[in-house]
Amino acid sequence: LLRVLQEGEYERVGEETTRKVNVRIIAATNRKLAQEVEAKRFRQDLYYRLNVFPIEVAPLRNRKEDIPLLASMFMGHVRKKLNCTGRELTQAEVVKLQTYHWPGNVRELQNIIERAVISSRCGSVKFDLPVPQASGASLKTPIKKNGGNLGEILTEEDMRLQEKANIEAALKRTDWKIYGTGGAAELLGLKPTTLLSRIKKMGIKK
């Protein structure tokens, strides 16, 4: 691999003929490779050959405006594979997806969309999102079982920030319409007076 990356050539096992290649390799990781190299868990020579034009993509929880487009795309792919049709996502469903913190990033979104479509048998989808729980002071540490990450556990402060983000997403989605059909209060399942109180308490401004 090092030779292919550096020289653009390789030899098959057992052959003496050198073969040329003209390829562009795109590699992705969710780890900090510079730190992995320093800890000697990743080869330094391979790192420098791969790290020609690095692009850092923010986690899905930091670019929630992409969620509606991604969800719609994944839903279309699954329905095409299952040879079925269905409606588009509602505003309430989009807000629900945008409220979730997505520790598994885009892959988790794709899996949840696929599971929802399959479970609905191409009918009305229902998203089964993991419910974060919070109790205690050391809850920022993810719970692990058999080496696997079961998702982030949120503290009370995290939950408050998540609720604020949820309200902001609903207000943005409805262009700050609070009352009536299709308003933010309806999307959030709150009384308008309760929503107004929380907006004031959290210091949310238009």
N, C-alpha and C. Protein backbone atom coordinates (compact mmCIF):
# COMPACT_ATOMS: atom_id res chain seq x y z
N LEU A 1 0.83 -1.20 0.00
CA LEU A 1 0.00 0.00 0.00
C LEU A 1 0.87 1.26 0.00
N LEU A 2 1.93 1.25 0.78
CA LEU A 2 2.83 2.40 0.81
C LEU A 2 3.42 2.66 -0.58
N ARG A 3 3.78 1.60 -1.26
CA ARG A 3 4.38 1.75 -2.59
C ARG A 3 3.35 2.26 -3.59
N VAL A 4 2.14 1.75 -3.49
CA VAL A 4 1.08 2.22 -4.38
C VAL A 4 0.83 3.71 -4.17
N LEU A 5 0.78 4.12 -2.91
CA LEU A 5 0.53 5.52 -2.60
C LEU A 5 1.66 6.43 -3.05
N GLN A 6 2.89 5.98 -2.89
CA GLN A 6 4.05 6.81 -3.20
C GLN A 6 4.44 6.76 -4.67
N GLU A 7 4.50 5.55 -5.23
CA GLU A 7 5.03 5.38 -6.59
C GLU A 7 3.95 5.09 -7.63
N GLY A 8 2.77 4.71 -7.19
CA GLY A 8 1.71 4.36 -8.14
C GLY A 8 1.98 3.06 -8.86
N GLU A 9 2.62 2.12 -8.18
CA GLU A 9 2.92 0.82 -8.79
C GLU A 9 2.92 -0.27 -7.73
N TYR A 10 2.79 -1.53 -8.21
CA TYR A 10 2.81 -2.66 -7.28
C TYR A 10 3.15 -3.93 -8.05
N GLU A 11 3.44 -4.98 -7.31
CA GLU A 11 3.69 -6.30 -7.90
C GLU A 11 2.83 -7.32 -7.18
N ARG A 12 2.16 -8.17 -7.94
CA ARG A 12 1.35 -9.22 -7.35
C ARG A 12 2.24 -10.24 -6.66
N VAL A 13 1.69 -10.90 -5.66
CA VAL A 13 2.44 -11.93 -4.94
C VAL A 13 2.83 -13.04 -5.91
N GLY A 14 4.13 -13.34 -5.95
CA GLY A 14 4.62 -14.40 -6.83
C GLY A 14 4.96 -13.94 -8.23
N GLU A 15 4.71 -12.66 -8.54
CA GLU A 15 5.03 -12.13 -9.87
C GLU A 15 6.26 -11.23 -9.81
N GLU A 16 6.89 -11.06 -10.94
CA GLU A 16 8.02 -10.14 -11.04
C GLU A 16 7.66 -8.92 -11.89
N THR A 17 6.47 -8.93 -12.46
CA THR A 17 6.03 -7.82 -13.31
C THR A 17 5.51 -6.67 -12.45
N THR A 18 6.03 -5.49 -12.71
CA THR A 18 5.56 -4.31 -12.00
C THR A 18 4.37 -3.72 -12.73
N ARG A 19 3.30 -3.51 -12.02
CA ARG A 19 2.07 -2.98 -12.62
C ARG A 19 1.85 -1.54 -12.16
N LYS A 20 1.40 -0.71 -13.08
CA LYS A 20 1.12 0.69 -12.78
C LYS A 20 -0.36 0.87 -12.45
N VAL A 21 -0.64 1.78 -11.57
CA VAL A 21 -2.03 2.11 -11.25
C VAL A 21 -2.24 3.62 -11.31
N ASN A 22 -3.45 4.00 -11.64
CA ASN A 22 -3.80 5.42 -11.67
C ASN A 22 -5.10 5.57 -10.88
N VAL A 23 -4.97 5.68 -9.58
CA VAL A 23 -6.14 5.72 -8.70
C VAL A 23 -6.01 6.87 -7.72
N ARG A 24 -7.15 7.27 -7.19
CA ARG A 24 -7.18 8.25 -6.11
C ARG A 24 -7.80 7.58 -4.90
N ILE A 25 -7.06 7.53 -3.82
CA ILE A 25 -7.54 6.84 -2.62
C ILE A 25 -8.14 7.85 -1.65
N ILE A 26 -9.38 7.58 -1.25
CA ILE A 26 -10.07 8.41 -0.26
C ILE A 26 -10.22 7.58 1.01
N ALA A 27 -9.62 8.02 2.08
CA ALA A 27 -9.67 7.28 3.34
C ALA A 27 -10.41 8.11 4.38
N ALA A 28 -11.15 7.44 5.24
CA ALA A 28 -11.91 8.13 6.29
C ALA A 28 -11.66 7.48 7.63
N THR A 29 -11.73 8.28 8.68
CA THR A 29 -11.54 7.76 10.03
C THR A 29 -12.30 8.62 11.02
N ASN A 30 -12.65 8.04 12.15
CA ASN A 30 -13.26 8.83 13.23
C ASN A 30 -12.28 9.01 14.38
N ARG A 31 -11.01 8.74 14.12
CA ARG A 31 -9.97 8.89 15.15
C ARG A 31 -9.04 10.05 14.79
N LYS A 32 -8.35 10.57 15.79
CA LYS A 32 -7.33 11.59 15.59
C LYS A 32 -6.04 10.88 15.23
N LEU A 33 -5.75 10.78 13.94
CA LEU A 33 -4.62 9.95 13.51
C LEU A 33 -3.28 10.50 13.98
N ALA A 34 -3.14 11.81 14.10
CA ALA A 34 -1.88 12.37 14.59
C ALA A 34 -1.59 11.84 16.00
N GLN A 35 -2.63 11.76 16.82
CA GLN A 35 -2.47 11.21 18.17
C GLN A 35 -2.19 9.71 18.13
N GLU A 36 -2.82 9.02 17.18
CA GLU A 36 -2.59 7.58 17.04
C GLU A 36 -1.15 7.30 16.62
N VAL A 37 -0.62 8.16 15.75
CA VAL A 37 0.79 8.02 15.33
C VAL A 37 1.71 8.23 16.52
N GLU A 38 1.41 9.27 17.30
CA GLU A 38 2.25 9.58 18.46
C GLU A 38 2.24 8.43 19.48
N ALA A 39 1.08 7.78 19.59
CA ALA A 39 0.96 6.66 20.52
C ALA A 39 1.44 5.35 19.89
N LYS A 40 1.94 5.44 18.65
CA LYS A 40 2.47 4.27 17.93
C LYS A 40 1.40 3.21 17.68
N ARG A 41 0.17 3.68 17.45
CA ARG A 41 -0.90 2.76 17.08
C ARG A 41 -1.24 2.86 15.60
N PHE A 42 -0.57 3.79 14.89
CA PHE A 42 -0.78 3.94 13.45
C PHE A 42 0.56 4.28 12.82
N ARG A 43 0.85 3.67 11.68
CA ARG A 43 2.15 3.86 11.04
C ARG A 43 2.34 5.30 10.58
N GLN A 44 3.45 5.88 10.94
CA GLN A 44 3.72 7.26 10.58
C GLN A 44 3.87 7.43 9.07
N ASP A 45 4.58 6.49 8.42
CA ASP A 45 4.78 6.61 6.97
C ASP A 45 3.46 6.51 6.21
N LEU A 46 2.56 5.66 6.66
CA LEU A 46 1.25 5.55 6.02
C LEU A 46 0.43 6.81 6.26
N TYR A 47 0.53 7.35 7.45
CA TYR A 47 -0.21 8.57 7.78
C TYR A 47 0.17 9.72 6.85
N TYR A 48 1.46 9.92 6.64
CA TYR A 48 1.89 11.04 5.80
C TYR A 48 1.57 10.82 4.33
N ARG A 49 1.50 9.58 3.90
CA ARG A 49 1.12 9.31 2.51
C ARG A 49 -0.37 9.51 2.28
N LEU A 50 -1.17 9.24 3.29
CA LEU A 50 -2.61 9.43 3.17
C LEU A 50 -3.03 10.87 3.41
N ASN A 51 -2.28 11.58 4.23
CA ASN A 51 -2.67 12.92 4.68
C ASN A 51 -2.23 13.99 3.69
N VAL A 52 -2.64 13.84 2.43
CA VAL A 52 -2.26 14.80 1.39
C VAL A 52 -3.22 15.98 1.38
N PHE A 53 -4.50 15.70 1.40
CA PHE A 53 -5.51 16.77 1.37
C PHE A 53 -6.60 16.44 2.38
N PRO A 54 -6.34 16.71 3.66
CA PRO A 54 -7.31 16.33 4.71
C PRO A 54 -8.54 17.23 4.71
N ILE A 55 -9.69 16.63 4.91
CA ILE A 55 -10.95 17.36 5.04
C ILE A 55 -11.60 16.92 6.34
N GLU A 56 -11.85 17.85 7.23
CA GLU A 56 -12.49 17.50 8.50
C GLU A 56 -13.98 17.78 8.41
N VAL A 57 -14.78 16.76 8.63
CA VAL A 57 -16.24 16.88 8.58
C VAL A 57 -16.78 16.94 10.01
N ALA A 58 -17.56 17.95 10.29
CA ALA A 58 -18.12 18.10 11.63
C ALA A 58 -19.09 16.97 11.93
N PRO A 59 -19.22 16.56 13.19
CA PRO A 59 -20.19 15.51 13.53
C PRO A 59 -21.61 15.97 13.23
N LEU A 60 -22.48 15.02 13.01
CA LEU A 60 -23.85 15.33 12.61
C LEU A 60 -24.56 16.22 13.61
N ARG A 61 -24.26 16.07 14.90
CA ARG A 61 -24.94 16.89 15.92
C ARG A 61 -24.59 18.37 15.79
N ASN A 62 -23.50 18.69 15.06
CA ASN A 62 -23.11 20.09 14.87
C ASN A 62 -23.55 20.64 13.52
N ARG A 63 -24.22 19.85 12.72
CA ARG A 63 -24.73 20.32 11.42
C ARG A 63 -26.12 19.73 11.18
N LYS A 64 -27.01 20.03 12.12
CA LYS A 64 -28.34 19.43 12.09
C LYS A 64 -29.18 19.92 10.92
N GLU A 65 -28.74 21.00 10.28
CA GLU A 65 -29.47 21.47 9.10
C GLU A 65 -29.36 20.47 7.94
N ASP A 66 -28.38 19.56 8.01
CA ASP A 66 -28.21 18.54 6.97
C ASP A 66 -29.15 17.35 7.17
N ILE A 67 -29.72 17.22 8.37
CA ILE A 67 -30.49 16.02 8.69
C ILE A 67 -31.71 15.82 7.78
N PRO A 68 -32.53 16.85 7.49
CA PRO A 68 -33.69 16.62 6.62
C PRO A 68 -33.31 16.05 5.26
N LEU A 69 -32.27 16.61 4.64
CA LEU A 69 -31.84 16.14 3.31
C LEU A 69 -31.31 14.71 3.38
N LEU A 70 -30.47 14.44 4.39
CA LEU A 70 -29.90 13.10 4.53
C LEU A 70 -31.00 12.07 4.82
N ALA A 71 -31.91 12.42 5.72
CA ALA A 71 -32.99 11.49 6.08
C ALA A 71 -33.86 11.18 4.87
N SER A 72 -34.18 12.22 4.10
CA SER A 72 -35.00 12.02 2.90
C SER A 72 -34.28 11.14 1.88
N MET A 73 -32.98 11.35 1.73
CA MET A 73 -32.19 10.55 0.78
C MET A 73 -32.15 9.08 1.21
N PHE A 74 -31.86 8.85 2.51
CA PHE A 74 -31.79 7.47 3.00
C PHE A 74 -33.15 6.78 2.89
N MET A 75 -34.21 7.53 3.17
CA MET A 75 -35.55 6.96 3.09
C MET A 75 -35.88 6.56 1.66
N GLY A 76 -35.47 7.41 0.71
CA GLY A 76 -35.69 7.10 -0.70
C GLY A 76 -34.94 5.85 -1.13
N HIS A 77 -33.69 5.71 -0.66
CA HIS A 77 -32.90 4.53 -1.01
C HIS A 77 -33.54 3.25 -0.48
N VAL A 78 -33.99 3.29 0.78
CA VAL A 78 -34.59 2.09 1.38
C VAL A 78 -35.89 1.73 0.68
N ARG A 79 -36.72 2.73 0.41
CA ARG A 79 -38.00 2.46 -0.26
C ARG A 79 -37.79 1.92 -1.67
N LYS A 80 -36.77 2.42 -2.35
CA LYS A 80 -36.47 1.90 -3.68
C LYS A 80 -36.03 0.45 -3.60
N LYS A 81 -35.22 0.13 -2.58
CA LYS A 81 -34.74 -1.24 -2.40
C LYS A 81 -35.90 -2.18 -2.07
N LEU A 82 -36.87 -1.67 -1.31
CA LEU A 82 -38.03 -2.49 -0.91
C LEU A 82 -39.18 -2.39 -1.91
N ASN A 83 -38.98 -1.57 -2.94
CA ASN A 83 -39.99 -1.39 -3.98
C ASN A 83 -41.32 -0.91 -3.39
N CYS A 84 -41.24 0.18 -2.61
CA CYS A 84 -42.46 0.74 -2.03
C CYS A 84 -42.37 2.26 -2.04
N THR A 85 -43.49 2.90 -1.79
CA THR A 85 -43.53 4.36 -1.76
C THR A 85 -44.08 4.81 -0.40
N GLY A 86 -44.01 6.11 -0.16
CA GLY A 86 -44.51 6.64 1.11
C GLY A 86 -44.41 8.15 1.10
N ARG A 87 -44.94 8.76 2.14
CA ARG A 87 -44.95 10.22 2.24
C ARG A 87 -43.59 10.75 2.68
N GLU A 88 -43.43 12.07 2.54
CA GLU A 88 -42.23 12.73 3.02
C GLU A 88 -42.30 12.91 4.54
N LEU A 89 -41.18 13.28 5.14
CA LEU A 89 -41.15 13.51 6.58
C LEU A 89 -41.98 14.73 6.96
N THR A 90 -42.67 14.65 8.08
CA THR A 90 -43.41 15.80 8.58
C THR A 90 -42.46 16.72 9.34
N GLN A 91 -42.91 17.94 9.62
CA GLN A 91 -42.10 18.88 10.39
C GLN A 91 -41.78 18.33 11.77
N ALA A 92 -42.76 17.70 12.40
CA ALA A 92 -42.55 17.14 13.74
C ALA A 92 -41.50 16.04 13.72
N GLU A 93 -41.49 15.23 12.67
CA GLU A 93 -40.51 14.14 12.56
C GLU A 93 -39.11 14.71 12.34
N VAL A 94 -39.02 15.76 11.52
CA VAL A 94 -37.73 16.39 11.28
C VAL A 94 -37.17 16.98 12.57
N VAL A 95 -38.03 17.68 13.32
CA VAL A 95 -37.61 18.26 14.59
C VAL A 95 -37.14 17.18 15.55
N LYS A 96 -37.85 16.05 15.57
CA LYS A 96 -37.46 14.94 16.45
C LYS A 96 -36.08 14.43 16.09
N LEU A 97 -35.81 14.29 14.79
CA LEU A 97 -34.50 13.82 14.35
C LEU A 97 -33.42 14.85 14.67
N GLN A 98 -33.75 16.13 14.53
CA GLN A 98 -32.76 17.18 14.79
C GLN A 98 -32.47 17.34 16.28
N THR A 99 -33.39 16.91 17.12
CA THR A 99 -33.20 17.03 18.56
C THR A 99 -32.23 15.99 19.10
N TYR A 100 -32.22 14.83 18.47
CA TYR A 100 -31.36 13.73 18.93
C TYR A 100 -29.89 14.11 18.73
N HIS A 101 -28.99 13.60 19.59
CA HIS A 101 -27.59 14.03 19.59
C HIS A 101 -26.68 13.20 18.67
N TRP A 102 -27.13 12.10 18.09
CA TRP A 102 -26.42 11.33 17.07
C TRP A 102 -24.98 10.99 17.41
N PRO A 103 -24.75 10.20 18.46
CA PRO A 103 -23.38 9.78 18.76
C PRO A 103 -22.77 8.92 17.67
N GLY A 104 -23.64 8.23 16.90
CA GLY A 104 -23.15 7.38 15.81
C GLY A 104 -23.08 8.09 14.47
N ASN A 105 -23.33 9.42 14.47
CA ASN A 105 -23.23 10.24 13.27
C ASN A 105 -24.12 9.75 12.13
N VAL A 106 -23.67 9.95 10.89
CA VAL A 106 -24.51 9.70 9.72
C VAL A 106 -24.90 8.22 9.61
N ARG A 107 -23.99 7.34 9.99
CA ARG A 107 -24.29 5.90 9.90
C ARG A 107 -25.45 5.53 10.81
N GLU A 108 -25.51 6.14 11.99
CA GLU A 108 -26.62 5.86 12.90
C GLU A 108 -27.93 6.38 12.33
N LEU A 109 -27.89 7.57 11.72
CA LEU A 109 -29.08 8.12 11.07
C LEU A 109 -29.58 7.18 9.97
N GLN A 110 -28.65 6.70 9.16
CA GLN A 110 -29.01 5.79 8.07
C GLN A 110 -29.66 4.52 8.61
N ASN A 111 -29.09 3.96 9.68
CA ASN A 111 -29.62 2.73 10.25
C ASN A 111 -31.02 2.93 10.84
N ILE A 112 -31.22 4.07 11.51
CA ILE A 112 -32.52 4.34 12.13
C ILE A 112 -33.60 4.57 11.07
N ILE A 113 -33.23 5.27 9.99
CA ILE A 113 -34.17 5.47 8.89
C ILE A 113 -34.56 4.13 8.27
N GLU A 114 -33.56 3.29 8.01
CA GLU A 114 -33.82 1.99 7.39
C GLU A 114 -34.70 1.13 8.29
N ARG A 115 -34.40 1.12 9.60
CA ARG A 115 -35.20 0.33 10.53
C ARG A 115 -36.64 0.84 10.58
N ALA A 116 -36.81 2.16 10.54
CA ALA A 116 -38.16 2.74 10.60
C ALA A 116 -38.98 2.36 9.38
N VAL A 117 -38.37 2.42 8.20
CA VAL A 117 -39.09 2.08 6.97
C VAL A 117 -39.45 0.60 6.95
N ILE A 118 -38.49 -0.26 7.33
CA ILE A 118 -38.75 -1.70 7.33
C ILE A 118 -39.83 -2.05 8.35
N SER A 119 -39.76 -1.46 9.54
CA SER A 119 -40.74 -1.76 10.59
C SER A 119 -42.14 -1.31 10.20
N SER A 120 -42.21 -0.22 9.43
CA SER A 120 -43.52 0.31 9.03
C SER A 120 -44.12 -0.45 7.87
N ARG A 121 -43.31 -1.35 7.28
CA ARG A 121 -43.76 -2.10 6.09
C ARG A 121 -44.21 -1.14 5.00
N CYS A 122 -43.42 -0.09 4.85
CA CYS A 122 -43.64 0.94 3.83
C CYS A 122 -44.87 1.80 4.12
N GLY A 123 -45.36 1.75 5.36
CA GLY A 123 -46.48 2.60 5.74
C GLY A 123 -45.97 3.87 6.41
N SER A 124 -46.69 4.33 7.43
CA SER A 124 -46.30 5.53 8.16
C SER A 124 -45.13 5.20 9.09
N VAL A 125 -44.02 5.90 8.92
CA VAL A 125 -42.81 5.57 9.68
C VAL A 125 -42.89 6.10 11.10
N LYS A 126 -42.19 5.40 12.00
CA LYS A 126 -42.08 5.82 13.39
C LYS A 126 -40.64 5.62 13.81
N PHE A 127 -39.99 6.71 14.25
CA PHE A 127 -38.57 6.65 14.57
C PHE A 127 -38.36 6.23 16.02
N ASP A 128 -37.62 5.16 16.19
CA ASP A 128 -37.31 4.62 17.52
C ASP A 128 -35.93 5.11 17.93
N LEU A 129 -35.89 6.31 18.52
CA LEU A 129 -34.61 6.90 18.91
C LEU A 129 -34.26 6.52 20.34
N PRO A 130 -32.98 6.23 20.60
CA PRO A 130 -32.56 5.93 21.98
C PRO A 130 -32.88 7.10 22.89
N VAL A 131 -33.34 6.81 24.09
CA VAL A 131 -33.70 7.87 25.06
C VAL A 131 -32.54 8.07 26.01
N PRO A 132 -31.91 9.28 26.02
CA PRO A 132 -30.82 9.54 26.95
C PRO A 132 -31.34 9.63 28.37
N GLN A 133 -30.55 9.13 29.32
CA GLN A 133 -30.91 9.20 30.72
C GLN A 133 -29.82 9.95 31.46
N ALA A 134 -30.18 10.62 32.53
CA ALA A 134 -29.19 11.39 33.28
C ALA A 134 -29.45 11.27 34.77
N SER A 135 -28.40 10.89 35.51
CA SER A 135 -28.45 10.90 36.97
C SER A 135 -27.06 10.71 37.49
N GLY A 136 -26.61 11.67 38.32
CA GLY A 136 -25.26 11.55 38.86
C GLY A 136 -24.32 12.52 38.20
N ALA A 137 -23.13 12.66 38.80
CA ALA A 137 -22.19 13.69 38.35
C ALA A 137 -21.23 13.20 37.29
N SER A 138 -21.05 11.90 37.15
CA SER A 138 -20.02 11.40 36.23
C SER A 138 -20.63 10.80 34.97
N LEU A 139 -21.77 11.35 34.52
CA LEU A 139 -22.49 10.73 33.43
C LEU A 139 -21.97 11.10 32.05
N LYS A 140 -20.96 11.94 31.96
CA LYS A 140 -20.41 12.26 30.65
C LYS A 140 -19.63 11.09 30.07
N THR A 141 -19.25 10.14 30.88
CA THR A 141 -18.52 8.98 30.40
C THR A 141 -19.47 8.01 29.73
N PRO A 142 -19.25 7.69 28.44
CA PRO A 142 -20.16 6.77 27.76
C PRO A 142 -20.13 5.39 28.42
N ILE A 143 -21.29 4.75 28.46
CA ILE A 143 -21.37 3.39 28.99
C ILE A 143 -20.89 2.43 27.92
N LYS A 144 -20.06 1.49 28.28
CA LYS A 144 -19.55 0.53 27.32
C LYS A 144 -19.84 -0.89 27.80
N LYS A 145 -20.05 -1.76 26.85
CA LYS A 145 -20.28 -3.17 27.15
C LYS A 145 -19.57 -3.99 26.10
N ASN A 146 -18.70 -4.87 26.54
CA ASN A 146 -17.92 -5.69 25.62
C ASN A 146 -17.17 -4.84 24.60
N GLY A 147 -16.70 -3.68 25.05
CA GLY A 147 -15.91 -2.82 24.17
C GLY A 147 -16.73 -1.95 23.25
N GLY A 148 -18.08 -2.07 23.27
CA GLY A 148 -18.90 -1.30 22.35
C GLY A 148 -19.50 -0.09 23.03
N ASN A 149 -19.61 1.02 22.29
CA ASN A 149 -20.19 2.24 22.83
C ASN A 149 -21.70 2.20 22.67
N LEU A 150 -22.43 2.25 23.78
CA LEU A 150 -23.88 2.20 23.71
C LEU A 150 -24.50 3.57 23.56
N GLY A 151 -23.69 4.63 23.43
CA GLY A 151 -24.22 5.98 23.25
C GLY A 151 -23.88 6.87 24.43
N GLU A 152 -23.96 8.17 24.20
CA GLU A 152 -23.64 9.12 25.23
C GLU A 152 -24.73 9.16 26.30
N ILE A 153 -24.33 9.33 27.54
CA ILE A 153 -25.28 9.55 28.63
C ILE A 153 -25.19 11.01 29.01
N LEU A 154 -26.32 11.70 29.05
CA LEU A 154 -26.32 13.14 29.23
C LEU A 154 -26.54 13.54 30.68
N THR A 155 -25.81 14.57 31.11
CA THR A 155 -26.02 15.14 32.43
C THR A 155 -27.24 16.06 32.39
N GLU A 156 -27.60 16.58 33.56
CA GLU A 156 -28.74 17.50 33.62
C GLU A 156 -28.48 18.74 32.77
N GLU A 157 -27.24 19.23 32.78
CA GLU A 157 -26.90 20.40 31.97
C GLU A 157 -27.00 20.07 30.48
N ASP A 158 -26.52 18.87 30.10
CA ASP A 158 -26.63 18.44 28.71
C ASP A 158 -28.09 18.38 28.27
N MET A 159 -28.95 17.86 29.16
CA MET A 159 -30.37 17.76 28.84
C MET A 159 -30.99 19.14 28.67
N ARG A 160 -30.55 20.09 29.50
CA ARG A 160 -31.07 21.46 29.38
C ARG A 160 -30.68 22.07 28.05
N LEU A 161 -29.42 21.86 27.66
CA LEU A 161 -28.94 22.39 26.38
C LEU A 161 -29.65 21.71 25.21
N GLN A 162 -29.93 20.41 25.37
CA GLN A 162 -30.63 19.69 24.32
C GLN A 162 -32.06 20.20 24.16
N GLU A 163 -32.72 20.47 25.31
CA GLU A 163 -34.07 21.01 25.25
C GLU A 163 -34.07 22.39 24.58
N LYS A 164 -33.06 23.19 24.90
CA LYS A 164 -32.95 24.52 24.29
C LYS A 164 -32.77 24.39 22.78
N ALA A 165 -31.91 23.46 22.36
CA ALA A 165 -31.68 23.24 20.93
C ALA A 165 -32.96 22.77 20.25
N ASN A 166 -33.74 21.94 20.94
CA ASN A 166 -34.99 21.44 20.40
C ASN A 166 -35.98 22.57 20.18
N ILE A 167 -36.09 23.45 21.17
CA ILE A 167 -37.00 24.60 21.05
C ILE A 167 -36.55 25.52 19.92
N GLU A 168 -35.24 25.78 19.85
CA GLU A 168 -34.71 26.65 18.79
C GLU A 168 -34.98 26.05 17.41
N ALA A 169 -34.84 24.73 17.29
CA ALA A 169 -35.10 24.07 16.00
C ALA A 169 -36.57 24.20 15.61
N ALA A 170 -37.47 24.05 16.59
CA ALA A 170 -38.90 24.17 16.32
C ALA A 170 -39.26 25.60 15.92
N LEU A 171 -38.67 26.58 16.61
CA LEU A 171 -38.93 27.98 16.28
C LEU A 171 -38.42 28.34 14.89
N LYS A 172 -37.25 27.82 14.56
CA LYS A 172 -36.69 28.07 13.24
C LYS A 172 -37.54 27.43 12.16
N ARG A 173 -37.99 26.20 12.44
CA ARG A 173 -38.79 25.46 11.47
C ARG A 173 -40.11 26.17 11.18
N THR A 174 -40.69 26.80 12.20
CA THR A 174 -42.00 27.45 12.06
C THR A 174 -41.90 28.96 11.87
N ASP A 175 -40.67 29.45 11.68
CA ASP A 175 -40.44 30.89 11.53
C ASP A 175 -41.02 31.66 12.71
N TRP A 176 -40.80 31.10 13.90
CA TRP A 176 -41.21 31.71 15.17
C TRP A 176 -42.73 31.83 15.31
N LYS A 177 -43.46 31.00 14.62
CA LYS A 177 -44.91 30.93 14.85
C LYS A 177 -45.13 30.03 16.06
N ILE A 178 -45.70 30.56 17.11
CA ILE A 178 -45.86 29.81 18.36
C ILE A 178 -47.26 29.24 18.51
N TYR A 179 -48.27 30.04 18.18
CA TYR A 179 -49.66 29.63 18.38
C TYR A 179 -50.23 28.95 17.14
N GLY A 180 -51.29 28.18 17.34
CA GLY A 180 -52.07 27.65 16.23
C GLY A 180 -51.51 26.41 15.58
N THR A 181 -52.22 25.97 14.54
CA THR A 181 -51.84 24.77 13.80
C THR A 181 -50.49 24.96 13.11
N GLY A 182 -49.60 24.01 13.28
CA GLY A 182 -48.29 24.10 12.66
C GLY A 182 -47.32 25.00 13.40
N GLY A 183 -47.75 25.52 14.56
CA GLY A 183 -46.87 26.38 15.34
C GLY A 183 -45.87 25.57 16.16
N ALA A 184 -44.89 26.27 16.71
CA ALA A 184 -43.83 25.60 17.47
C ALA A 184 -44.38 24.87 18.69
N ALA A 185 -45.37 25.47 19.34
CA ALA A 185 -45.95 24.83 20.53
C ALA A 185 -46.59 23.49 20.17
N GLU A 186 -47.27 23.46 19.03
CA GLU A 186 -47.90 22.21 18.59
C GLU A 186 -46.85 21.16 18.25
N LEU A 187 -45.78 21.58 17.56
CA LEU A 187 -44.71 20.65 17.20
C LEU A 187 -44.07 20.03 18.44
N LEU A 188 -43.92 20.84 19.46
CA LEU A 188 -43.24 20.39 20.67
C LEU A 188 -44.18 19.71 21.66
N GLY A 189 -45.49 19.77 21.38
CA GLY A 189 -46.45 19.17 22.30
C GLY A 189 -46.59 19.95 23.59
N LEU A 190 -46.43 21.28 23.51
CA LEU A 190 -46.51 22.15 24.69
C LEU A 190 -47.65 23.15 24.53
N LYS A 191 -48.12 23.67 25.67
CA LYS A 191 -49.03 24.80 25.62
C LYS A 191 -48.24 26.04 25.20
N PRO A 192 -48.83 26.93 24.40
CA PRO A 192 -48.10 28.14 23.98
C PRO A 192 -47.56 28.94 25.16
N THR A 193 -48.33 29.03 26.24
CA THR A 193 -47.86 29.79 27.41
C THR A 193 -46.63 29.12 28.05
N THR A 194 -46.63 27.78 28.06
CA THR A 194 -45.48 27.05 28.59
C THR A 194 -44.25 27.28 27.73
N LEU A 195 -44.45 27.23 26.41
CA LEU A 195 -43.33 27.45 25.49
C LEU A 195 -42.77 28.86 25.65
N LEU A 196 -43.65 29.86 25.73
CA LEU A 196 -43.20 31.24 25.91
C LEU A 196 -42.40 31.39 27.20
N SER A 197 -42.84 30.72 28.25
CA SER A 197 -42.13 30.78 29.53
C SER A 197 -40.73 30.18 29.41
N ARG A 198 -40.61 29.07 28.69
CA ARG A 198 -39.31 28.43 28.53
C ARG A 198 -38.38 29.24 27.63
N ILE A 199 -38.95 29.87 26.61
CA ILE A 199 -38.16 30.73 25.73
C ILE A 199 -37.53 31.86 26.54
N LYS A 200 -38.35 32.47 27.41
CA LYS A 200 -37.86 33.57 28.24
C LYS A 200 -36.82 33.07 29.25
N LYS A 201 -37.10 31.94 29.88
CA LYS A 201 -36.21 31.39 30.90
C LYS A 201 -34.85 31.01 30.32
N MET A 202 -34.85 30.48 29.09
CA MET A 202 -33.60 30.02 28.46
C MET A 202 -32.89 31.12 27.69
N GLY A 203 -33.50 32.29 27.62
CA GLY A 203 -32.86 33.41 26.94
C GLY A 203 -32.78 33.24 25.44
N ILE A 204 -33.76 32.55 24.86
CA ILE A 204 -33.78 32.33 23.42
C ILE A 204 -34.32 33.58 22.73
N LYS A 205 -33.58 34.07 21.74
CA LYS A 205 -33.99 35.28 21.04
C LYS A 205 -34.04 35.03 19.54
N LYS A 206 -34.93 35.76 18.88
CA LYS A 206 -35.12 35.61 17.44
C LYS A 206 -33.94 36.17 16.67
